[in-house]
């Protein structure tokens, strides 16, 4: 039976360097130039527009490169949650179309969204469209 020898320090160093090279290649493959930010992040919200609004809004002097990605992901999640609850509200009212009323009901019936949007005024009587206000009453 042959004795098992421990690997030499040179072999260990070479193995670590090979592992680092593999990791570097994987990172390069994941973050290649031909792939867009939303595709890399797996989200549909416009990351460049969110980043532009962050920079133009002067919320901070500098904005990190990944900040718009994370903010777009959070916004997409919040919109998906509200739309799901509004869809359930429309379904409960036996409707197939989500109206502003269903959005209002969904937000106000959820404790977390109600607290988040407590200071927001939502009016479903009038809707702003093409520079004119349309109301339910017709002028006589």
Protein backbone atom coordinates (compact mmCIF):
# COMPACT_ATOMS: atom_id res chain seq x y z
CA UNK A 1 0.00 0.00 0.00
CA UNK A 2 1.46 3.34 -1.07
CA UNK A 3 1.68 6.20 1.35
CA UNK A 4 -0.57 9.17 0.57
CA UNK A 5 1.54 12.28 0.24
CA UNK A 6 0.22 15.74 0.94
CA UNK A 7 0.18 18.14 -2.02
CA UNK A 8 3.12 20.49 -2.25
CA UNK A 9 2.64 24.23 -1.68
CA UNK A 10 3.38 24.86 -5.37
CA UNK A 11 0.60 22.48 -6.42
CA UNK A 12 -1.84 24.10 -3.98
CA UNK A 13 -0.97 27.57 -5.31
CA UNK A 14 -1.43 26.41 -8.91
CA UNK A 15 -4.81 24.87 -8.06
CA UNK A 16 -5.96 28.10 -6.38
CA UNK A 17 -4.84 30.12 -9.40
CA UNK A 18 -6.78 27.81 -11.71
CA UNK A 19 -9.91 28.18 -9.55
CA UNK A 20 -9.55 31.98 -9.60
CA UNK A 21 -9.19 31.89 -13.38
CA UNK A 22 -12.38 29.84 -13.69
CA UNK A 23 -14.23 32.30 -11.43
CA UNK A 24 -12.93 35.24 -13.48
CA UNK A 25 -14.09 33.63 -16.73
CA UNK A 26 -17.55 32.97 -15.27
CA UNK A 27 -17.81 36.61 -14.15
CA UNK A 28 -16.77 37.79 -17.62
CA UNK A 29 -19.31 35.48 -19.24
CA UNK A 30 -22.11 36.70 -16.96
CA UNK A 31 -21.31 40.40 -17.41
CA UNK A 32 -20.49 40.43 -21.09
CA UNK A 33 -20.88 43.61 -23.08
CA UNK A 34 -23.56 42.31 -25.46
CA UNK A 35 -26.14 41.76 -22.73
CA UNK A 36 -28.38 44.58 -21.47
CA UNK A 37 -28.83 45.48 -17.80
CA UNK A 38 -32.49 44.39 -17.57
CA UNK A 39 -31.66 41.07 -19.18
CA UNK A 40 -28.81 40.49 -16.75
CA UNK A 41 -30.95 41.43 -13.76
CA UNK A 42 -34.03 39.58 -15.03
CA UNK A 43 -36.36 42.57 -14.62
CA UNK A 44 -38.59 44.44 -17.04
CA UNK A 45 -38.58 47.95 -15.57
CA UNK A 46 -36.41 50.51 -17.41
CA UNK A 47 -33.16 50.62 -15.45
CA UNK A 48 -31.63 53.47 -17.44
CA UNK A 49 -34.71 55.65 -16.90
CA UNK A 50 -34.73 54.90 -13.16
CA UNK A 51 -31.04 55.81 -13.04
CA UNK A 52 -31.67 59.03 -14.94
CA UNK A 53 -34.45 59.99 -12.52
CA UNK A 54 -32.17 59.22 -9.56
CA UNK A 55 -29.46 61.48 -10.95
CA UNK A 56 -31.81 64.29 -12.04
CA UNK A 57 -33.73 64.21 -8.76
CA UNK A 58 -30.63 65.20 -6.79
CA UNK A 59 -31.33 62.67 -4.05
CA UNK A 60 -27.58 62.28 -3.61
CA UNK A 61 -24.45 63.76 -5.14
CA UNK A 62 -23.44 60.40 -6.57
CA UNK A 63 -25.42 57.32 -7.57
CA UNK A 64 -23.84 53.85 -7.52
CA UNK A 65 -23.93 51.80 -10.70
CA UNK A 66 -26.19 49.10 -9.24
CA UNK A 67 -28.57 51.48 -7.40
CA UNK A 68 -30.94 51.87 -10.40
CA UNK A 69 -30.98 48.10 -10.86
CA UNK A 70 -32.05 47.45 -7.28
CA UNK A 71 -34.57 50.31 -7.29
CA UNK A 72 -36.11 49.09 -10.56
CA UNK A 73 -36.40 45.59 -9.09
CA UNK A 74 -38.15 46.93 -5.98
CA UNK A 75 -40.52 49.04 -8.06
CA UNK A 76 -41.34 46.08 -10.29
CA UNK A 77 -42.10 43.95 -7.22
CA UNK A 78 -44.37 46.61 -5.69
CA UNK A 79 -46.28 47.10 -8.96
CA UNK A 80 -46.74 43.34 -9.32
CA UNK A 81 -48.13 43.10 -5.78
CA UNK A 82 -50.58 45.98 -6.29
CA UNK A 83 -51.73 44.62 -9.66
CA UNK A 84 -52.28 41.17 -8.19
CA UNK A 85 -54.40 42.60 -5.36
CA UNK A 86 -56.31 44.86 -7.78
CA UNK A 87 -56.96 41.87 -10.04
CA UNK A 88 -58.36 39.98 -7.07
CA UNK A 89 -60.56 42.98 -6.20
CA UNK A 90 -61.85 43.12 -9.78
CA UNK A 91 -62.51 39.39 -9.74
CA UNK A 92 -64.40 39.72 -6.45
CA UNK A 93 -66.60 42.37 -8.10
CA UNK A 94 -67.13 40.04 -11.09
CA UNK A 95 -65.28 42.39 -13.45
CA UNK A 96 -62.65 41.55 -16.05
CA UNK A 97 -61.11 45.02 -16.24
CA UNK A 98 -59.03 46.57 -13.44
CA UNK A 99 -60.30 50.09 -12.80
CA UNK A 100 -58.80 52.84 -10.62
CA UNK A 101 -61.41 51.90 -8.02
CA UNK A 102 -59.98 48.37 -7.81
CA UNK A 103 -56.48 49.79 -7.37
CA UNK A 104 -57.76 52.05 -4.59
CA UNK A 105 -59.53 49.16 -2.87
CA UNK A 106 -56.46 46.95 -3.13
CA UNK A 107 -54.16 49.59 -1.62
CA UNK A 108 -56.52 50.64 1.15
CA UNK A 109 -57.37 47.07 2.19
CA UNK A 110 -53.71 46.10 2.58
CA UNK A 111 -52.14 47.34 5.83
CA UNK A 112 -48.59 47.70 4.50
CA UNK A 113 -49.54 49.51 1.29
CA UNK A 114 -52.03 51.66 3.16
CA UNK A 115 -49.26 52.82 5.53
CA UNK A 116 -46.81 53.29 2.64
CA UNK A 117 -49.25 55.43 0.64
CA UNK A 118 -50.99 57.14 3.57
CA UNK A 119 -50.07 60.66 2.41
CA UNK A 120 -51.02 60.08 -1.23
CA UNK A 121 -54.31 61.46 -2.55
CA UNK A 122 -56.01 59.07 -4.94
CA UNK A 123 -59.13 60.35 -6.68
CA UNK A 124 -61.11 58.03 -8.89
CA UNK A 125 -63.82 60.54 -9.83
CA UNK A 126 -61.74 62.36 -12.43
CA UNK A 127 -58.97 61.16 -14.68
CA UNK A 128 -56.45 63.38 -16.39
CA UNK A 129 -56.45 62.63 -20.11
CA UNK A 130 -54.91 64.61 -22.99
CA UNK A 131 -54.79 67.88 -21.04
CA UNK A 132 -58.49 67.84 -20.19
CA UNK A 133 -60.32 66.70 -17.10
CA UNK A 134 -63.19 64.33 -17.68
CA UNK A 135 -65.80 63.97 -15.00
CA UNK A 136 -68.77 61.72 -14.56
CA UNK A 137 -71.16 64.68 -14.95
CA UNK A 138 -71.90 66.02 -18.41
CA UNK A 139 -72.20 69.80 -18.78
CA UNK A 140 -75.67 71.07 -19.67
